[in-house]
Amino acid sequence: MPQASSSPHRTVRTAPASALVRATNQALAGKDFRDCVRAMHVDGYPLVDMVDALGLEDDMTERIRQIVEELPPDVVRGIRAATIEMLDSSDYEMPLDCSVTDAQLDRGVPVDVEVFPTAGRRTIHVRPRVGG
């Protein structure tokens, strides 16, 4: 069952959060990490390369790596915008609403990734693909 965010500013659901999401949210507590993430997004650094450069590669499964590598440019732009918006706030938690479980990822279930507003903020929505 998805859990609500601990943030008082938004209600973002996440499936049992992947190790990558947990590690990222923990690291976002540090200003240097946030500054590095911002600079990489502004510079258009590829998302998978960002994970590696930020030292989070051990927390990224091959399936998540594949999903991120296959994201269309408009979704990547949306993820960048949502992340920078989060960094501009004081709510340093990935703006993620994910209903895909680790078990589904392990089985290779196709997913859809979209970015659109939830509770007044751009949010990264990850869902199992309908009919997939």
N, C-alpha and C. Protein backbone atom coordinates (compact mmCIF):
# COMPACT_ATOMS: atom_id res chain seq x y z
N MET A 1 0.84 -1.18 0.00
CA MET A 1 0.00 0.00 0.00
C MET A 1 0.88 1.24 0.00
N PRO A 2 0.66 2.20 -0.92
CA PRO A 2 1.45 3.41 -0.95
C PRO A 2 1.32 4.19 0.35
N GLN A 3 2.36 4.92 0.66
CA GLN A 3 2.40 5.71 1.87
C GLN A 3 2.39 7.17 1.50
N ALA A 4 1.76 8.00 2.36
CA ALA A 4 1.77 9.44 2.13
C ALA A 4 3.13 10.00 2.52
N SER A 5 3.51 11.09 1.87
CA SER A 5 4.75 11.76 2.19
C SER A 5 4.70 12.28 3.62
N SER A 6 5.86 12.39 4.24
CA SER A 6 5.93 12.96 5.58
C SER A 6 5.88 14.48 5.53
N SER A 7 5.96 15.06 4.35
CA SER A 7 5.96 16.50 4.19
C SER A 7 4.58 17.07 4.48
N PRO A 8 4.51 18.19 5.21
CA PRO A 8 3.21 18.83 5.43
C PRO A 8 2.75 19.61 4.21
N HIS A 9 3.61 19.78 3.20
CA HIS A 9 3.30 20.62 2.05
C HIS A 9 2.67 19.88 0.89
N ARG A 10 2.72 18.57 0.88
CA ARG A 10 2.17 17.83 -0.24
C ARG A 10 1.81 16.42 0.18
N THR A 11 0.96 15.84 -0.61
CA THR A 11 0.60 14.45 -0.35
C THR A 11 1.06 13.63 -1.53
N VAL A 12 2.23 13.10 -1.43
CA VAL A 12 2.81 12.29 -2.48
C VAL A 12 2.87 10.86 -1.99
N ARG A 13 2.30 9.96 -2.78
CA ARG A 13 2.32 8.55 -2.43
C ARG A 13 3.52 7.88 -3.07
N THR A 14 4.09 6.97 -2.34
CA THR A 14 5.14 6.16 -2.94
C THR A 14 4.92 4.72 -2.52
N ALA A 15 5.15 3.84 -3.45
CA ALA A 15 5.13 2.42 -3.11
C ALA A 15 6.30 2.20 -2.16
N PRO A 16 6.39 1.03 -1.56
CA PRO A 16 7.55 0.82 -0.69
C PRO A 16 8.78 1.33 -1.44
N ALA A 17 9.28 2.45 -0.96
CA ALA A 17 10.28 3.20 -1.71
C ALA A 17 11.51 2.37 -2.03
N SER A 18 11.94 2.49 -3.27
CA SER A 18 13.15 1.80 -3.68
C SER A 18 14.33 2.35 -2.89
N ALA A 19 15.38 1.57 -2.86
CA ALA A 19 16.59 2.00 -2.17
C ALA A 19 17.09 3.32 -2.76
N LEU A 20 16.94 3.50 -4.07
CA LEU A 20 17.39 4.73 -4.71
C LEU A 20 16.62 5.94 -4.19
N VAL A 21 15.31 5.83 -4.06
CA VAL A 21 14.50 6.94 -3.57
C VAL A 21 14.87 7.24 -2.12
N ARG A 22 15.00 6.20 -1.31
CA ARG A 22 15.37 6.42 0.10
C ARG A 22 16.74 7.09 0.21
N ALA A 23 17.72 6.60 -0.55
CA ALA A 23 19.07 7.18 -0.50
C ALA A 23 19.07 8.63 -0.98
N THR A 24 18.32 8.90 -2.05
CA THR A 24 18.26 10.26 -2.58
C THR A 24 17.62 11.19 -1.56
N ASN A 25 16.49 10.80 -1.00
CA ASN A 25 15.82 11.65 -0.02
C ASN A 25 16.71 11.91 1.19
N GLN A 26 17.44 10.90 1.62
CA GLN A 26 18.35 11.08 2.75
C GLN A 26 19.47 12.07 2.38
N ALA A 27 20.04 11.92 1.20
CA ALA A 27 21.13 12.78 0.77
C ALA A 27 20.67 14.23 0.55
N LEU A 28 19.40 14.41 0.19
CA LEU A 28 18.88 15.76 -0.05
C LEU A 28 18.90 16.63 1.21
N ALA A 29 19.12 16.04 2.36
CA ALA A 29 19.25 16.82 3.59
C ALA A 29 20.50 17.70 3.56
N GLY A 30 21.48 17.32 2.75
CA GLY A 30 22.74 18.07 2.69
C GLY A 30 22.73 19.15 1.63
N LYS A 31 23.11 20.35 2.02
CA LYS A 31 23.13 21.48 1.08
C LYS A 31 24.08 21.24 -0.09
N ASP A 32 25.26 20.69 0.16
CA ASP A 32 26.20 20.44 -0.94
C ASP A 32 25.61 19.48 -1.97
N PHE A 33 24.92 18.46 -1.48
CA PHE A 33 24.27 17.50 -2.38
C PHE A 33 23.20 18.21 -3.20
N ARG A 34 22.36 19.02 -2.55
CA ARG A 34 21.30 19.74 -3.27
C ARG A 34 21.90 20.68 -4.32
N ASP A 35 22.97 21.37 -3.95
CA ASP A 35 23.62 22.29 -4.90
C ASP A 35 24.16 21.53 -6.11
N CYS A 36 24.71 20.36 -5.87
CA CYS A 36 25.25 19.53 -6.96
C CYS A 36 24.11 19.05 -7.87
N VAL A 37 23.01 18.60 -7.28
CA VAL A 37 21.85 18.15 -8.05
C VAL A 37 21.33 19.29 -8.92
N ARG A 38 21.21 20.47 -8.34
CA ARG A 38 20.72 21.62 -9.10
C ARG A 38 21.64 21.92 -10.28
N ALA A 39 22.93 21.98 -10.02
CA ALA A 39 23.89 22.30 -11.09
C ALA A 39 23.82 21.26 -12.21
N MET A 40 23.71 19.99 -11.85
CA MET A 40 23.64 18.94 -12.87
C MET A 40 22.37 19.07 -13.71
N HIS A 41 21.25 19.37 -13.06
CA HIS A 41 20.00 19.55 -13.82
C HIS A 41 20.11 20.76 -14.74
N VAL A 42 20.62 21.87 -14.23
CA VAL A 42 20.75 23.07 -15.05
C VAL A 42 21.66 22.82 -16.24
N ASP A 43 22.71 22.02 -16.03
CA ASP A 43 23.66 21.72 -17.11
C ASP A 43 23.16 20.62 -18.05
N GLY A 44 22.00 20.04 -17.77
CA GLY A 44 21.45 19.00 -18.64
C GLY A 44 22.15 17.66 -18.53
N TYR A 45 22.77 17.41 -17.42
CA TYR A 45 23.47 16.15 -17.17
C TYR A 45 22.49 14.99 -17.36
N PRO A 46 22.84 13.94 -18.07
CA PRO A 46 21.93 12.79 -18.21
C PRO A 46 21.57 12.21 -16.83
N LEU A 47 20.31 11.84 -16.66
CA LEU A 47 19.83 11.41 -15.34
C LEU A 47 20.59 10.21 -14.79
N VAL A 48 20.85 9.22 -15.60
CA VAL A 48 21.58 8.04 -15.11
C VAL A 48 23.00 8.43 -14.71
N ASP A 49 23.63 9.30 -15.49
CA ASP A 49 24.97 9.76 -15.14
C ASP A 49 24.96 10.54 -13.84
N MET A 50 23.86 11.27 -13.59
CA MET A 50 23.74 12.00 -12.32
C MET A 50 23.76 11.03 -11.15
N VAL A 51 23.00 9.96 -11.26
CA VAL A 51 22.95 8.97 -10.18
C VAL A 51 24.35 8.44 -9.91
N ASP A 52 25.06 8.12 -10.96
CA ASP A 52 26.43 7.61 -10.80
C ASP A 52 27.34 8.66 -10.17
N ALA A 53 27.29 9.89 -10.69
CA ALA A 53 28.16 10.96 -10.20
C ALA A 53 27.86 11.33 -8.75
N LEU A 54 26.62 11.16 -8.34
CA LEU A 54 26.23 11.49 -6.97
C LEU A 54 26.51 10.35 -5.99
N GLY A 55 27.05 9.25 -6.50
CA GLY A 55 27.40 8.13 -5.63
C GLY A 55 26.23 7.26 -5.23
N LEU A 56 25.15 7.30 -6.02
CA LEU A 56 23.95 6.54 -5.69
C LEU A 56 23.79 5.30 -6.57
N GLU A 57 24.81 4.99 -7.38
CA GLU A 57 24.68 3.91 -8.35
C GLU A 57 24.42 2.55 -7.71
N ASP A 58 24.91 2.31 -6.50
CA ASP A 58 24.67 1.03 -5.84
C ASP A 58 23.20 0.84 -5.46
N ASP A 59 22.46 1.97 -5.39
CA ASP A 59 21.03 1.91 -5.02
C ASP A 59 20.12 1.85 -6.24
N MET A 60 20.70 1.93 -7.44
CA MET A 60 19.89 1.90 -8.66
C MET A 60 19.92 0.50 -9.26
N THR A 61 18.75 -0.12 -9.32
CA THR A 61 18.67 -1.45 -9.93
C THR A 61 18.81 -1.34 -11.44
N GLU A 62 19.11 -2.45 -12.07
CA GLU A 62 19.21 -2.46 -13.54
C GLU A 62 17.88 -2.07 -14.18
N ARG A 63 16.78 -2.51 -13.58
CA ARG A 63 15.45 -2.18 -14.15
C ARG A 63 15.18 -0.68 -14.06
N ILE A 64 15.49 -0.07 -12.93
CA ILE A 64 15.28 1.38 -12.81
C ILE A 64 16.21 2.11 -13.78
N ARG A 65 17.44 1.65 -13.90
CA ARG A 65 18.38 2.25 -14.85
C ARG A 65 17.80 2.21 -16.27
N GLN A 66 17.24 1.07 -16.65
CA GLN A 66 16.65 0.91 -17.97
C GLN A 66 15.48 1.88 -18.17
N ILE A 67 14.62 1.97 -17.17
CA ILE A 67 13.46 2.88 -17.27
C ILE A 67 13.93 4.31 -17.46
N VAL A 68 14.89 4.74 -16.65
CA VAL A 68 15.38 6.12 -16.72
C VAL A 68 16.06 6.38 -18.07
N GLU A 69 16.84 5.42 -18.55
CA GLU A 69 17.52 5.60 -19.84
C GLU A 69 16.54 5.73 -21.00
N GLU A 70 15.36 5.13 -20.86
CA GLU A 70 14.38 5.13 -21.95
C GLU A 70 13.35 6.27 -21.86
N LEU A 71 13.49 7.14 -20.88
CA LEU A 71 12.53 8.24 -20.73
C LEU A 71 12.62 9.18 -21.92
N PRO A 72 11.46 9.60 -22.45
CA PRO A 72 11.47 10.56 -23.56
C PRO A 72 11.93 11.94 -23.05
N PRO A 73 12.48 12.76 -23.96
CA PRO A 73 13.00 14.07 -23.56
C PRO A 73 12.00 14.95 -22.81
N ASP A 74 10.72 14.91 -23.18
CA ASP A 74 9.74 15.76 -22.50
C ASP A 74 9.56 15.33 -21.04
N VAL A 75 9.65 14.04 -20.77
CA VAL A 75 9.54 13.56 -19.38
C VAL A 75 10.79 13.95 -18.60
N VAL A 76 11.96 13.84 -19.22
CA VAL A 76 13.20 14.26 -18.55
C VAL A 76 13.12 15.75 -18.21
N ARG A 77 12.63 16.57 -19.16
CA ARG A 77 12.47 18.01 -18.87
C ARG A 77 11.52 18.22 -17.70
N GLY A 78 10.44 17.44 -17.64
CA GLY A 78 9.50 17.56 -16.53
C GLY A 78 10.13 17.15 -15.21
N ILE A 79 10.93 16.09 -15.22
CA ILE A 79 11.62 15.65 -14.00
C ILE A 79 12.58 16.73 -13.53
N ARG A 80 13.30 17.33 -14.47
CA ARG A 80 14.23 18.41 -14.10
C ARG A 80 13.46 19.58 -13.47
N ALA A 81 12.36 19.98 -14.10
CA ALA A 81 11.57 21.10 -13.58
C ALA A 81 11.00 20.78 -12.19
N ALA A 82 10.48 19.56 -12.02
CA ALA A 82 9.92 19.18 -10.72
C ALA A 82 11.00 19.15 -9.65
N THR A 83 12.17 18.65 -10.00
CA THR A 83 13.26 18.56 -9.03
C THR A 83 13.76 19.95 -8.65
N ILE A 84 13.94 20.82 -9.63
CA ILE A 84 14.39 22.18 -9.32
C ILE A 84 13.35 22.91 -8.49
N GLU A 85 12.08 22.71 -8.80
CA GLU A 85 11.02 23.31 -7.99
C GLU A 85 11.12 22.83 -6.55
N MET A 86 11.36 21.54 -6.34
CA MET A 86 11.54 20.99 -4.99
C MET A 86 12.75 21.63 -4.33
N LEU A 87 13.85 21.78 -5.07
CA LEU A 87 15.06 22.37 -4.51
C LEU A 87 14.86 23.83 -4.14
N ASP A 88 13.95 24.51 -4.83
CA ASP A 88 13.64 25.91 -4.54
C ASP A 88 12.74 26.06 -3.32
N SER A 89 12.18 24.97 -2.85
CA SER A 89 11.33 24.99 -1.67
C SER A 89 12.19 24.65 -0.46
N SER A 90 11.55 24.39 0.64
CA SER A 90 12.29 23.90 1.82
C SER A 90 11.88 22.46 2.11
N ASP A 91 11.28 21.82 1.12
CA ASP A 91 10.77 20.46 1.25
C ASP A 91 11.65 19.54 0.42
N TYR A 92 12.75 19.11 1.01
CA TYR A 92 13.77 18.36 0.27
C TYR A 92 13.48 16.87 0.25
N GLU A 93 12.49 16.52 -0.53
CA GLU A 93 12.09 15.14 -0.74
C GLU A 93 11.67 15.03 -2.20
N MET A 94 12.13 13.98 -2.88
CA MET A 94 11.81 13.84 -4.30
C MET A 94 10.30 13.94 -4.52
N PRO A 95 9.89 14.75 -5.49
CA PRO A 95 8.46 14.92 -5.77
C PRO A 95 7.94 13.73 -6.57
N LEU A 96 7.72 12.64 -5.89
CA LEU A 96 7.43 11.37 -6.54
C LEU A 96 6.12 10.77 -6.03
N ASP A 97 5.31 10.33 -6.96
CA ASP A 97 4.07 9.61 -6.66
C ASP A 97 4.17 8.31 -7.45
N CYS A 98 4.56 7.24 -6.77
CA CYS A 98 4.85 5.97 -7.44
C CYS A 98 3.98 4.86 -6.86
N SER A 99 3.29 4.16 -7.74
CA SER A 99 2.49 3.02 -7.28
C SER A 99 3.05 1.70 -7.79
N VAL A 100 4.25 1.74 -8.35
CA VAL A 100 4.91 0.52 -8.84
C VAL A 100 5.72 -0.07 -7.68
N THR A 101 5.49 -1.34 -7.43
CA THR A 101 6.20 -1.99 -6.33
C THR A 101 7.54 -2.55 -6.80
N ASP A 102 8.41 -2.84 -5.85
CA ASP A 102 9.69 -3.47 -6.18
C ASP A 102 9.45 -4.81 -6.86
N ALA A 103 8.44 -5.55 -6.43
CA ALA A 103 8.14 -6.85 -7.04
C ALA A 103 7.75 -6.68 -8.50
N GLN A 104 6.96 -5.65 -8.80
CA GLN A 104 6.59 -5.39 -10.19
C GLN A 104 7.82 -5.03 -11.02
N LEU A 105 8.69 -4.21 -10.44
CA LEU A 105 9.93 -3.85 -11.15
C LEU A 105 10.77 -5.10 -11.41
N ASP A 106 10.88 -5.95 -10.40
CA ASP A 106 11.66 -7.18 -10.54
C ASP A 106 11.12 -8.07 -11.66
N ARG A 107 9.79 -8.04 -11.85
CA ARG A 107 9.17 -8.85 -12.91
C ARG A 107 9.25 -8.16 -14.27
N GLY A 108 9.74 -6.92 -14.30
CA GLY A 108 9.86 -6.20 -15.57
C GLY A 108 8.57 -5.60 -16.06
N VAL A 109 7.61 -5.37 -15.17
CA VAL A 109 6.34 -4.77 -15.57
C VAL A 109 6.61 -3.43 -16.25
N PRO A 110 6.05 -3.20 -17.42
CA PRO A 110 6.22 -1.90 -18.08
C PRO A 110 5.59 -0.79 -17.25
N VAL A 111 6.20 0.38 -17.28
CA VAL A 111 5.70 1.50 -16.50
C VAL A 111 5.51 2.73 -17.37
N ASP A 112 4.66 3.61 -16.91
CA ASP A 112 4.48 4.92 -17.52
C ASP A 112 4.98 5.96 -16.52
N VAL A 113 5.75 6.92 -17.02
CA VAL A 113 6.26 8.01 -16.19
C VAL A 113 5.76 9.31 -16.80
N GLU A 114 5.11 10.12 -15.98
CA GLU A 114 4.60 11.41 -16.40
C GLU A 114 4.90 12.42 -15.29
N VAL A 115 4.96 13.68 -15.66
CA VAL A 115 5.12 14.74 -14.67
C VAL A 115 3.96 15.71 -14.84
N PHE A 116 3.21 15.89 -13.75
CA PHE A 116 2.12 16.86 -13.76
C PHE A 116 1.84 17.28 -12.32
N PRO A 117 1.13 18.38 -12.14
CA PRO A 117 0.92 18.91 -10.78
C PRO A 117 0.06 18.01 -9.90
N THR A 118 0.48 17.91 -8.67
CA THR A 118 -0.28 17.26 -7.61
C THR A 118 -0.13 18.14 -6.39
N ALA A 119 -1.23 18.49 -5.77
CA ALA A 119 -1.21 19.34 -4.57
C ALA A 119 -0.41 20.62 -4.83
N GLY A 120 -0.55 21.17 -6.05
CA GLY A 120 0.07 22.44 -6.38
C GLY A 120 1.54 22.38 -6.74
N ARG A 121 2.11 21.18 -6.88
CA ARG A 121 3.52 21.04 -7.24
C ARG A 121 3.69 20.04 -8.37
N ARG A 122 4.66 20.31 -9.23
CA ARG A 122 4.99 19.31 -10.25
C ARG A 122 5.45 18.05 -9.55
N THR A 123 4.93 16.93 -10.00
CA THR A 123 5.21 15.66 -9.35
C THR A 123 5.48 14.61 -10.43
N ILE A 124 6.43 13.75 -10.14
CA ILE A 124 6.79 12.64 -11.03
C ILE A 124 5.87 11.48 -10.69
N HIS A 125 5.02 11.07 -11.62
CA HIS A 125 4.07 9.99 -11.41
C HIS A 125 4.57 8.74 -12.14
N VAL A 126 4.67 7.64 -11.41
CA VAL A 126 5.12 6.38 -12.00
C VAL A 126 4.04 5.35 -11.73
N ARG A 127 3.53 4.75 -12.80
CA ARG A 127 2.44 3.77 -12.72
C ARG A 127 2.73 2.55 -13.57
N PRO A 128 2.20 1.41 -13.17
CA PRO A 128 2.27 0.25 -14.08
C PRO A 128 1.50 0.61 -15.35
N ARG A 129 2.02 0.24 -16.48
CA ARG A 129 1.36 0.55 -17.76
C ARG A 129 0.08 -0.27 -17.86
N VAL A 130 -1.00 0.41 -18.17
CA VAL A 130 -2.28 -0.25 -18.36
C VAL A 130 -2.20 -1.08 -19.63
N GLY A 131 -2.56 -2.34 -19.51
CA GLY A 131 -2.48 -3.22 -20.66
C GLY A 131 -1.06 -3.68 -20.96
N GLY A 132 -0.12 -3.32 -20.04
CA GLY A 132 1.27 -3.68 -20.29
C GLY A 132 1.61 -4.90 -19.57
